[in-house]
Amino acid sequence: MKILKNLALAFLVSFAVVLVSCGDKGGDDPQTAKEILLEDLQGSWSLDAGASLLANLDINTDGIGATFTETGFTLSGAITSYVENGTYTISDAGAISSVEVTVKPTDLALDGTADVSINSTNDVITVEFSTKLADGRIDGLGDFKLVFNKAS
């Protein structure tokens, strides 16, 4: 009988320990700034032609869009004759840095550093860079400011 009591007591103690360990953990950990930004980057982005600057290009801005990921962006539409994509890093604080832009024509080169910024509500992204002559080209030479609005 004593063994049965001890077994029952051991079972109750074990059951209590399991219940306590499964208790409320205070909710989910809050998202980091990086996690919030990565979540907000998902979806499609469309060019705001009125707020954008396309060097000296005369191209159709309809259909120019972008997709953004944790490591960079890919453009679509007529702009891809000049720029197709770029890369960057995102810090744990949600800051975008180390921006590189891939300029497609071989006779154009980046002039200085590129920048990607996002507004405080994470629904407008601006990609800025300048190009310089690497050979005898004129089209696509100058300043680019691509402003994208969150489409979905």
N, C-alpha and C. Protein backbone atom coordinates (compact mmCIF):
# COMPACT_ATOMS: atom_id res chain seq x y z
N MET A 1 0.81 -1.18 0.00
CA MET A 1 0.00 0.00 0.00
C MET A 1 0.87 1.27 0.00
N LYS A 2 1.97 1.22 0.76
CA LYS A 2 2.88 2.35 0.82
C LYS A 2 3.49 2.62 -0.56
N ILE A 3 3.80 1.57 -1.30
CA ILE A 3 4.35 1.71 -2.64
C ILE A 3 3.33 2.38 -3.55
N LEU A 4 2.09 1.98 -3.43
CA LEU A 4 1.03 2.58 -4.23
C LEU A 4 0.88 4.06 -3.93
N LYS A 5 0.95 4.45 -2.65
CA LYS A 5 0.88 5.86 -2.26
C LYS A 5 2.03 6.65 -2.87
N ASN A 6 3.24 6.09 -2.77
CA ASN A 6 4.42 6.76 -3.32
C ASN A 6 4.32 6.91 -4.84
N LEU A 7 3.83 5.86 -5.50
CA LEU A 7 3.65 5.95 -6.94
C LEU A 7 2.61 7.02 -7.31
N ALA A 8 1.53 7.07 -6.58
CA ALA A 8 0.49 8.07 -6.84
C ALA A 8 1.03 9.47 -6.59
N LEU A 9 1.80 9.65 -5.52
CA LEU A 9 2.40 10.95 -5.21
C LEU A 9 3.40 11.35 -6.30
N ALA A 10 4.22 10.41 -6.76
CA ALA A 10 5.18 10.69 -7.82
C ALA A 10 4.45 11.07 -9.11
N PHE A 11 3.36 10.37 -9.40
CA PHE A 11 2.57 10.69 -10.59
C PHE A 11 1.98 12.10 -10.49
N LEU A 12 1.43 12.46 -9.34
CA LEU A 12 0.85 13.79 -9.15
C LEU A 12 1.92 14.89 -9.27
N VAL A 13 3.08 14.65 -8.70
CA VAL A 13 4.16 15.64 -8.78
C VAL A 13 4.60 15.79 -10.24
N SER A 14 4.76 14.68 -10.94
CA SER A 14 5.15 14.73 -12.35
C SER A 14 4.10 15.47 -13.17
N PHE A 15 2.82 15.19 -12.92
CA PHE A 15 1.74 15.85 -13.64
C PHE A 15 1.75 17.35 -13.37
N ALA A 16 2.00 17.76 -12.14
CA ALA A 16 2.05 19.18 -11.79
C ALA A 16 3.22 19.87 -12.49
N VAL A 17 4.36 19.20 -12.55
CA VAL A 17 5.53 19.77 -13.23
C VAL A 17 5.23 19.97 -14.72
N VAL A 18 4.59 19.00 -15.35
CA VAL A 18 4.24 19.11 -16.77
C VAL A 18 3.28 20.27 -16.99
N LEU A 19 2.29 20.41 -16.12
CA LEU A 19 1.33 21.51 -16.26
C LEU A 19 2.00 22.87 -16.10
N VAL A 20 2.88 23.00 -15.15
CA VAL A 20 3.57 24.27 -14.93
C VAL A 20 4.47 24.60 -16.11
N SER A 21 5.16 23.61 -16.66
CA SER A 21 6.06 23.88 -17.78
C SER A 21 5.30 24.22 -19.06
N CYS A 22 4.04 23.86 -19.16
CA CYS A 22 3.24 24.19 -20.33
C CYS A 22 2.46 25.49 -20.15
N GLY A 23 2.70 26.18 -19.07
CA GLY A 23 1.96 27.41 -18.78
C GLY A 23 2.25 28.51 -19.76
N ASP A 24 1.57 29.63 -19.61
CA ASP A 24 1.70 30.79 -20.48
C ASP A 24 3.13 31.33 -20.44
N LYS A 25 3.69 31.53 -21.58
CA LYS A 25 5.06 32.03 -21.68
C LYS A 25 5.10 33.54 -21.86
N GLY A 26 4.00 34.22 -21.66
CA GLY A 26 4.00 35.67 -21.81
C GLY A 26 3.78 36.12 -23.24
N GLY A 27 3.31 35.24 -24.11
CA GLY A 27 3.04 35.62 -25.50
C GLY A 27 4.27 35.47 -26.38
N ASP A 28 4.10 35.79 -27.63
CA ASP A 28 5.20 35.71 -28.59
C ASP A 28 6.20 36.82 -28.35
N ASP A 29 7.45 36.54 -28.72
CA ASP A 29 8.46 37.58 -28.66
C ASP A 29 8.09 38.65 -29.68
N PRO A 30 8.29 39.91 -29.34
CA PRO A 30 7.98 40.96 -30.32
C PRO A 30 8.91 40.85 -31.52
N GLN A 31 8.42 41.23 -32.70
CA GLN A 31 9.23 41.16 -33.91
C GLN A 31 10.33 42.21 -33.86
N THR A 32 11.48 41.86 -34.43
CA THR A 32 12.56 42.82 -34.55
C THR A 32 12.24 43.76 -35.71
N ALA A 33 12.95 44.87 -35.78
CA ALA A 33 12.76 45.82 -36.88
C ALA A 33 13.05 45.14 -38.22
N LYS A 34 14.04 44.26 -38.25
CA LYS A 34 14.37 43.54 -39.48
C LYS A 34 13.22 42.63 -39.89
N GLU A 35 12.65 41.90 -38.94
CA GLU A 35 11.54 41.00 -39.25
C GLU A 35 10.32 41.77 -39.77
N ILE A 36 10.05 42.92 -39.18
CA ILE A 36 8.93 43.75 -39.63
C ILE A 36 9.18 44.23 -41.05
N LEU A 37 10.39 44.72 -41.32
CA LEU A 37 10.73 45.21 -42.66
C LEU A 37 10.63 44.09 -43.69
N LEU A 38 11.16 42.91 -43.38
CA LEU A 38 11.11 41.79 -44.32
C LEU A 38 9.67 41.40 -44.63
N GLU A 39 8.82 41.44 -43.64
CA GLU A 39 7.41 41.14 -43.85
C GLU A 39 6.77 42.20 -44.75
N ASP A 40 7.10 43.47 -44.51
CA ASP A 40 6.53 44.56 -45.31
C ASP A 40 7.07 44.59 -46.74
N LEU A 41 8.26 44.06 -46.98
CA LEU A 41 8.83 44.04 -48.32
C LEU A 41 8.11 43.06 -49.25
N GLN A 42 7.44 42.07 -48.68
CA GLN A 42 6.76 41.06 -49.49
C GLN A 42 5.64 41.71 -50.30
N GLY A 43 5.41 41.19 -51.47
CA GLY A 43 4.36 41.71 -52.33
C GLY A 43 4.92 42.41 -53.54
N SER A 44 4.04 43.07 -54.27
CA SER A 44 4.48 43.76 -55.48
C SER A 44 4.54 45.26 -55.24
N TRP A 45 5.44 45.91 -55.95
CA TRP A 45 5.68 47.34 -55.83
C TRP A 45 5.62 47.95 -57.23
N SER A 46 4.92 49.07 -57.37
CA SER A 46 4.81 49.72 -58.68
C SER A 46 5.49 51.08 -58.66
N LEU A 47 6.06 51.45 -59.81
CA LEU A 47 6.79 52.71 -59.93
C LEU A 47 5.83 53.90 -59.85
N ASP A 48 6.18 54.87 -59.05
CA ASP A 48 5.48 56.15 -59.01
C ASP A 48 6.22 57.07 -59.98
N ALA A 49 5.76 57.10 -61.24
CA ALA A 49 6.48 57.82 -62.30
C ALA A 49 6.59 59.31 -62.00
N GLY A 50 5.60 59.90 -61.35
CA GLY A 50 5.63 61.32 -61.05
C GLY A 50 6.69 61.69 -60.03
N ALA A 51 7.01 60.78 -59.16
CA ALA A 51 8.01 61.05 -58.12
C ALA A 51 9.40 60.52 -58.50
N SER A 52 9.48 59.83 -59.62
CA SER A 52 10.73 59.21 -60.03
C SER A 52 11.49 60.07 -61.03
N LEU A 53 12.78 59.81 -61.12
CA LEU A 53 13.68 60.48 -62.06
C LEU A 53 14.42 59.38 -62.82
N LEU A 54 14.34 59.41 -64.15
CA LEU A 54 14.94 58.35 -64.96
C LEU A 54 16.05 58.87 -65.85
N ALA A 55 16.99 59.61 -65.25
CA ALA A 55 18.12 60.19 -66.00
C ALA A 55 17.56 60.90 -67.21
N ASN A 56 18.07 60.62 -68.39
CA ASN A 56 17.56 61.25 -69.60
C ASN A 56 16.80 60.25 -70.47
N LEU A 57 16.26 59.21 -69.85
CA LEU A 57 15.56 58.17 -70.60
C LEU A 57 14.16 58.61 -71.00
N ASP A 58 13.76 58.22 -72.18
CA ASP A 58 12.40 58.42 -72.65
C ASP A 58 11.81 57.03 -72.84
N ILE A 59 11.35 56.44 -71.73
CA ILE A 59 10.81 55.08 -71.79
C ILE A 59 9.40 55.07 -71.22
N ASN A 60 8.66 54.04 -71.57
CA ASN A 60 7.30 53.85 -71.07
C ASN A 60 7.40 53.37 -69.61
N THR A 61 6.87 54.16 -68.69
CA THR A 61 6.96 53.80 -67.28
C THR A 61 5.83 52.88 -66.84
N ASP A 62 4.81 52.69 -67.70
CA ASP A 62 3.73 51.76 -67.36
C ASP A 62 4.31 50.36 -67.19
N GLY A 63 3.94 49.71 -66.15
CA GLY A 63 4.39 48.34 -65.93
C GLY A 63 5.74 48.20 -65.28
N ILE A 64 6.39 49.31 -64.95
CA ILE A 64 7.66 49.19 -64.23
C ILE A 64 7.34 48.87 -62.77
N GLY A 65 7.91 47.79 -62.32
CA GLY A 65 7.65 47.35 -60.95
C GLY A 65 8.90 46.76 -60.35
N ALA A 66 8.76 46.31 -59.11
CA ALA A 66 9.90 45.73 -58.41
C ALA A 66 9.42 44.71 -57.39
N THR A 67 10.29 43.77 -57.12
CA THR A 67 10.11 42.87 -55.99
C THR A 67 11.34 43.02 -55.10
N PHE A 68 11.11 43.04 -53.80
CA PHE A 68 12.18 43.23 -52.83
C PHE A 68 12.25 42.02 -51.91
N THR A 69 13.48 41.61 -51.60
CA THR A 69 13.70 40.47 -50.71
C THR A 69 14.66 40.88 -49.60
N GLU A 70 15.09 39.92 -48.83
CA GLU A 70 16.02 40.20 -47.74
C GLU A 70 17.39 40.65 -48.25
N THR A 71 17.73 40.26 -49.48
CA THR A 71 19.08 40.54 -49.98
C THR A 71 19.13 41.47 -51.18
N GLY A 72 17.99 41.87 -51.74
CA GLY A 72 18.04 42.75 -52.90
C GLY A 72 16.70 42.93 -53.58
N PHE A 73 16.76 43.47 -54.80
CA PHE A 73 15.55 43.75 -55.55
C PHE A 73 15.73 43.35 -57.00
N THR A 74 14.60 43.10 -57.66
CA THR A 74 14.56 42.79 -59.08
C THR A 74 13.51 43.70 -59.71
N LEU A 75 13.88 44.35 -60.81
CA LEU A 75 12.98 45.26 -61.49
C LEU A 75 12.30 44.55 -62.66
N SER A 76 11.17 45.11 -63.10
CA SER A 76 10.48 44.59 -64.28
C SER A 76 9.99 45.77 -65.11
N GLY A 77 9.73 45.52 -66.38
CA GLY A 77 9.27 46.57 -67.27
C GLY A 77 10.40 47.15 -68.10
N ALA A 78 10.12 48.29 -68.74
CA ALA A 78 11.06 48.90 -69.68
C ALA A 78 12.39 49.31 -69.05
N ILE A 79 12.44 49.53 -67.77
CA ILE A 79 13.67 49.96 -67.08
C ILE A 79 14.75 48.88 -67.14
N THR A 80 14.36 47.62 -67.37
CA THR A 80 15.34 46.53 -67.33
C THR A 80 16.33 46.57 -68.48
N SER A 81 16.10 47.44 -69.47
CA SER A 81 17.12 47.64 -70.50
C SER A 81 18.34 48.36 -69.93
N TYR A 82 18.14 49.00 -68.79
CA TYR A 82 19.22 49.79 -68.16
C TYR A 82 19.63 49.23 -66.79
N VAL A 83 18.65 48.85 -66.00
CA VAL A 83 18.92 48.32 -64.66
C VAL A 83 17.98 47.15 -64.43
N GLU A 84 18.54 46.02 -64.01
CA GLU A 84 17.71 44.84 -63.77
C GLU A 84 17.50 44.54 -62.30
N ASN A 85 18.53 44.77 -61.49
CA ASN A 85 18.43 44.36 -60.09
C ASN A 85 19.49 45.06 -59.24
N GLY A 86 19.47 44.74 -57.98
CA GLY A 86 20.45 45.27 -57.05
C GLY A 86 20.48 44.43 -55.79
N THR A 87 21.49 44.65 -54.99
CA THR A 87 21.62 43.91 -53.73
C THR A 87 21.83 44.90 -52.59
N TYR A 88 21.56 44.44 -51.39
CA TYR A 88 21.77 45.23 -50.19
C TYR A 88 21.78 44.30 -48.99
N THR A 89 22.11 44.85 -47.84
CA THR A 89 22.00 44.09 -46.60
C THR A 89 21.04 44.85 -45.68
N ILE A 90 20.38 44.09 -44.83
CA ILE A 90 19.46 44.67 -43.85
C ILE A 90 19.96 44.30 -42.46
N SER A 91 20.21 45.30 -41.63
CA SER A 91 20.70 45.05 -40.27
C SER A 91 19.54 44.59 -39.38
N ASP A 92 19.87 44.09 -38.20
CA ASP A 92 18.85 43.70 -37.23
C ASP A 92 17.98 44.88 -36.83
N ALA A 93 18.51 46.09 -36.95
CA ALA A 93 17.75 47.30 -36.63
C ALA A 93 16.85 47.73 -37.79
N GLY A 94 16.90 47.00 -38.90
CA GLY A 94 16.05 47.31 -40.05
C GLY A 94 16.64 48.35 -40.99
N ALA A 95 17.93 48.64 -40.87
CA ALA A 95 18.58 49.62 -41.74
C ALA A 95 19.11 48.93 -42.99
N ILE A 96 18.90 49.55 -44.15
CA ILE A 96 19.37 49.02 -45.42
C ILE A 96 20.71 49.67 -45.75
N SER A 97 21.71 48.85 -46.09
CA SER A 97 23.04 49.38 -46.39
C SER A 97 23.72 48.50 -47.44
N SER A 98 24.94 48.87 -47.79
CA SER A 98 25.77 48.13 -48.76
C SER A 98 25.02 47.89 -50.06
N VAL A 99 24.45 48.94 -50.60
CA VAL A 99 23.61 48.83 -51.80
C VAL A 99 24.49 48.77 -53.05
N GLU A 100 24.22 47.81 -53.89
CA GLU A 100 24.86 47.67 -55.19
C GLU A 100 23.76 47.57 -56.24
N VAL A 101 23.92 48.27 -57.36
CA VAL A 101 22.95 48.23 -58.45
C VAL A 101 23.64 47.69 -59.68
N THR A 102 22.98 46.77 -60.38
CA THR A 102 23.53 46.19 -61.60
C THR A 102 23.06 47.01 -62.79
N VAL A 103 23.98 47.76 -63.39
CA VAL A 103 23.69 48.55 -64.58
C VAL A 103 23.95 47.64 -65.78
N LYS A 104 22.94 47.49 -66.62
CA LYS A 104 23.02 46.52 -67.71
C LYS A 104 23.94 46.94 -68.86
N PRO A 105 23.82 48.15 -69.42
CA PRO A 105 24.71 48.50 -70.55
C PRO A 105 26.18 48.54 -70.10
N THR A 106 27.03 47.93 -70.87
CA THR A 106 28.44 47.87 -70.50
C THR A 106 29.15 49.20 -70.67
N ASP A 107 28.54 50.14 -71.40
CA ASP A 107 29.18 51.44 -71.56
C ASP A 107 28.70 52.46 -70.54
N LEU A 108 27.94 52.00 -69.52
CA LEU A 108 27.56 52.83 -68.38
C LEU A 108 28.13 52.20 -67.12
N ALA A 109 28.44 53.05 -66.16
CA ALA A 109 28.94 52.56 -64.88
C ALA A 109 28.29 53.38 -63.76
N LEU A 110 28.22 52.81 -62.58
CA LEU A 110 27.72 53.57 -61.44
C LEU A 110 28.66 54.72 -61.13
N ASP A 111 28.08 55.84 -60.76
CA ASP A 111 28.86 57.01 -60.38
C ASP A 111 28.59 57.27 -58.90
N GLY A 112 29.49 56.83 -58.06
CA GLY A 112 29.29 56.97 -56.62
C GLY A 112 28.56 55.78 -56.04
N THR A 113 27.91 56.00 -54.91
CA THR A 113 27.22 54.91 -54.22
C THR A 113 25.73 54.96 -54.48
N ALA A 114 25.10 53.82 -54.41
CA ALA A 114 23.66 53.71 -54.56
C ALA A 114 23.02 53.69 -53.17
N ASP A 115 21.72 53.99 -53.13
CA ASP A 115 21.02 54.04 -51.85
C ASP A 115 19.62 53.47 -52.02
N VAL A 116 19.18 52.71 -51.04
CA VAL A 116 17.79 52.25 -50.97
C VAL A 116 17.26 52.71 -49.62
N SER A 117 16.13 53.43 -49.66
CA SER A 117 15.52 53.89 -48.41
C SER A 117 14.04 53.55 -48.42
N ILE A 118 13.48 53.45 -47.24
CA ILE A 118 12.05 53.14 -47.11
C ILE A 118 11.45 54.11 -46.11
N ASN A 119 10.22 54.53 -46.36
CA ASN A 119 9.59 55.51 -45.46
C ASN A 119 9.21 54.86 -44.13
N SER A 120 8.74 55.67 -43.20
CA SER A 120 8.47 55.19 -41.84
C SER A 120 7.32 54.20 -41.77
N THR A 121 6.42 54.19 -42.75
CA THR A 121 5.32 53.24 -42.74
C THR A 121 5.58 52.03 -43.64
N ASN A 122 6.79 51.94 -44.17
CA ASN A 122 7.23 50.80 -44.99
C ASN A 122 6.36 50.56 -46.22
N ASP A 123 5.84 51.63 -46.82
CA ASP A 123 5.03 51.43 -48.02
C ASP A 123 5.52 52.24 -49.23
N VAL A 124 6.65 52.92 -49.09
CA VAL A 124 7.29 53.62 -50.20
C VAL A 124 8.79 53.35 -50.12
N ILE A 125 9.33 52.78 -51.19
CA ILE A 125 10.76 52.48 -51.26
C ILE A 125 11.37 53.34 -52.35
N THR A 126 12.52 53.95 -52.07
CA THR A 126 13.22 54.76 -53.05
C THR A 126 14.60 54.16 -53.32
N VAL A 127 14.90 53.93 -54.59
CA VAL A 127 16.21 53.44 -55.02
C VAL A 127 16.87 54.59 -55.78
N GLU A 128 18.05 55.04 -55.31
CA GLU A 128 18.73 56.17 -55.96
C GLU A 128 20.16 55.79 -56.33
N PHE A 129 20.55 56.20 -57.54
CA PHE A 129 21.92 55.99 -58.01
C PHE A 129 22.15 56.89 -59.21
N SER A 130 23.40 57.08 -59.56
CA SER A 130 23.78 57.86 -60.75
C SER A 130 24.67 57.01 -61.62
N THR A 131 24.62 57.31 -62.92
CA THR A 131 25.49 56.60 -63.85
C THR A 131 26.44 57.59 -64.51
N LYS A 132 27.55 57.07 -64.94
CA LYS A 132 28.53 57.89 -65.67
C LYS A 132 28.92 57.15 -66.93
N LEU A 133 29.51 57.87 -67.80
CA LEU A 133 29.92 57.33 -69.08
C LEU A 133 31.12 56.41 -68.90
N ALA A 134 30.96 55.21 -69.38
CA ALA A 134 32.09 54.30 -69.38
C ALA A 134 32.65 54.18 -70.78
N ASP A 135 31.93 54.76 -71.74
CA ASP A 135 32.36 54.74 -73.14
C ASP A 135 31.70 55.94 -73.81
N GLY A 136 31.11 55.80 -74.98
CA GLY A 136 30.56 56.92 -75.71
C GLY A 136 29.05 57.00 -75.69
N ARG A 137 28.39 56.55 -74.65
CA ARG A 137 26.94 56.45 -74.59
C ARG A 137 26.32 57.74 -74.04
N ILE A 138 25.06 58.02 -74.46
CA ILE A 138 24.33 59.15 -73.91
C ILE A 138 23.07 58.70 -73.19
N ASP A 139 22.27 57.77 -73.78
CA ASP A 139 21.04 57.29 -73.13
C ASP A 139 21.36 56.62 -71.80
N GLY A 140 20.57 56.93 -70.80
CA GLY A 140 20.74 56.32 -69.49
C GLY A 140 21.81 56.95 -68.65
N LEU A 141 22.35 58.06 -69.09
CA LEU A 141 23.42 58.74 -68.38
C LEU A 141 22.81 59.76 -67.43
N GLY A 142 23.13 59.69 -66.15
CA GLY A 142 22.63 60.68 -65.22
C GLY A 142 22.08 60.07 -63.95
N ASP A 143 21.18 60.83 -63.33
CA ASP A 143 20.64 60.45 -62.03
C ASP A 143 19.36 59.64 -62.18
N PHE A 144 19.26 58.60 -61.36
CA PHE A 144 18.06 57.78 -61.28
C PHE A 144 17.52 57.87 -59.86
N LYS A 145 16.23 58.05 -59.76
CA LYS A 145 15.53 57.99 -58.48
C LYS A 145 14.25 57.22 -58.76
N LEU A 146 14.22 55.96 -58.37
CA LEU A 146 13.08 55.10 -58.62
C LEU A 146 12.27 55.00 -57.34
N VAL A 147 11.05 55.52 -57.36
CA VAL A 147 10.19 55.52 -56.19
C VAL A 147 9.09 54.48 -56.42
N PHE A 148 9.01 53.49 -55.54
CA PHE A 148 8.03 52.41 -55.66
C PHE A 148 7.03 52.48 -54.52
N ASN A 149 5.75 52.33 -54.87
CA ASN A 149 4.69 52.27 -53.88
C ASN A 149 4.23 50.82 -53.73
N LYS A 150 3.90 50.44 -52.52
CA LYS A 150 3.41 49.09 -52.26
C LYS A 150 2.10 48.90 -53.00
N ALA A 151 2.04 47.91 -53.89
CA ALA A 151 0.84 47.64 -54.67
C ALA A 151 -0.02 46.57 -54.01
N SER A 152 0.63 45.59 -53.43
CA SER A 152 -0.12 44.53 -52.73
C SER A 152 0.76 43.84 -51.73
